[in-house]
Protein backbone atom coordinates (compact mmCIF):
# COMPACT_ATOMS: atom_id res chain seq x y z
CA MET A 1 -22.31 38.24 -25.20
CA LYS A 2 -22.51 38.40 -21.43
CA HIS A 3 -19.82 36.41 -19.63
CA ARG A 4 -20.58 34.34 -16.59
CA LYS A 5 -18.90 35.59 -13.44
CA THR A 6 -19.41 32.55 -11.23
CA LEU A 7 -18.28 28.96 -11.44
CA HIS A 8 -19.85 26.09 -9.53
CA ILE A 9 -17.53 24.71 -6.85
CA GLU A 10 -18.41 21.13 -7.85
CA LEU A 11 -16.99 21.78 -11.33
CA ILE A 12 -13.72 22.96 -9.78
CA ARG A 13 -13.60 19.85 -7.58
CA ALA A 14 -14.34 17.56 -10.55
CA ARG A 15 -11.69 19.12 -12.79
CA ALA A 16 -9.05 19.05 -10.07
CA ASN A 17 -9.86 15.42 -9.24
CA SER A 18 -9.65 14.46 -12.91
CA PHE A 19 -6.17 15.97 -13.18
CA LEU A 20 -5.06 14.39 -9.90
CA ALA A 21 -6.09 10.93 -11.13
CA ASN A 22 -5.07 11.11 -14.79
CA SER A 23 -1.97 13.32 -15.06
CA ALA A 24 1.44 12.00 -16.11
CA ASN A 25 3.62 10.38 -13.46
CA ASP A 26 6.24 13.15 -13.62
CA GLN A 27 3.72 15.92 -12.87
CA THR A 28 4.04 15.67 -9.07
CA GLU A 29 4.57 19.41 -8.55
CA GLN A 30 1.55 20.23 -10.70
CA ARG A 31 -0.62 17.75 -8.76
CA THR A 32 0.46 19.34 -5.49
CA ALA A 33 -0.42 22.78 -6.85
CA TYR A 34 -3.82 21.64 -8.17
CA HIS A 35 -4.64 19.97 -4.86
CA ASN A 36 -3.66 23.00 -2.78
CA PHE A 37 -5.37 25.53 -5.04
CA ALA A 38 -8.64 23.59 -5.28
CA ALA A 39 -8.61 22.77 -1.55
CA GLY A 40 -8.21 26.50 -0.81
CA LEU A 41 -11.20 27.36 -3.01
CA LEU A 42 -13.26 24.61 -1.36
CA LEU A 43 -12.29 25.91 2.09
CA ASP A 44 -13.26 29.46 1.13
CA ALA A 45 -16.62 28.20 -0.14
CA GLY A 46 -17.24 26.15 2.99
CA SER A 47 -17.25 22.95 0.90
CA TYR A 48 -13.98 21.30 1.94
CA CYS A 49 -14.57 17.76 3.25
CA GLY A 50 -10.99 16.46 3.24
CA PHE A 51 -9.25 14.17 0.79
CA ARG A 52 -8.25 10.56 0.29
CA TYR A 53 -5.34 8.86 -1.43
CA LEU A 54 -6.15 7.17 -4.72
CA THR A 55 -5.71 3.41 -5.08
CA LYS A 56 -4.48 1.58 -8.18
CA ALA A 57 -8.10 1.07 -9.27
CA ASP A 58 -8.75 4.85 -9.16
CA VAL A 59 -6.07 6.01 -11.61
CA THR A 60 -5.39 5.58 -15.31
CA PRO A 61 -3.76 2.18 -15.93
CA GLY A 62 0.03 2.40 -15.75
CA GLN A 63 0.04 5.56 -13.63
CA THR A 64 1.34 5.83 -10.09
CA PHE A 65 -1.22 5.60 -7.32
CA GLY A 66 -1.39 6.98 -3.81
CA ILE A 67 -1.94 4.12 -1.43
CA GLN A 68 -1.97 0.36 -1.27
CA HIS A 69 -3.98 -1.18 1.54
CA ASN A 70 -2.11 -4.05 3.17
CA THR A 71 -2.84 -6.71 5.71
CA PRO A 72 -3.06 -5.71 8.49
CA PRO A 73 -4.97 -2.65 7.24
CA GLU A 74 -3.34 -0.28 9.71
CA HIS A 75 -0.06 -0.55 7.73
CA PRO A 76 -0.77 0.87 4.26
CA THR A 77 1.99 1.50 1.73
CA PHE A 78 2.18 5.01 0.25
CA HIS A 79 3.47 5.10 -3.32
CA ASP A 80 2.72 8.64 -4.57
CA GLU A 81 1.35 11.06 -2.02
CA THR A 82 0.32 13.51 -4.76
CA ARG A 83 -2.33 11.08 -6.08
CA THR A 84 -5.28 12.34 -4.08
CA GLN A 85 -8.99 12.98 -4.49
CA LEU A 86 -10.73 15.94 -2.94
CA LEU A 87 -13.93 14.83 -1.23
């Protein structure tokens, strides 16, 4: 059986984003590593478009989330800066 030697960058982005949104609350170091590793691959591939912080609606119920938008909107509250999504 011939093994594939390439992997689509969108699959890497999707898997990293899934982990970033759904991992356990205590996995902050792992989320940082996933984010940095995937962002590096995206940069190398010319596909890095930045990131955003996840809101409560973006994560698994009961998990920490990245940002809460307040009023006025220029003063958001950051809860867990490792809850991100690669764009």
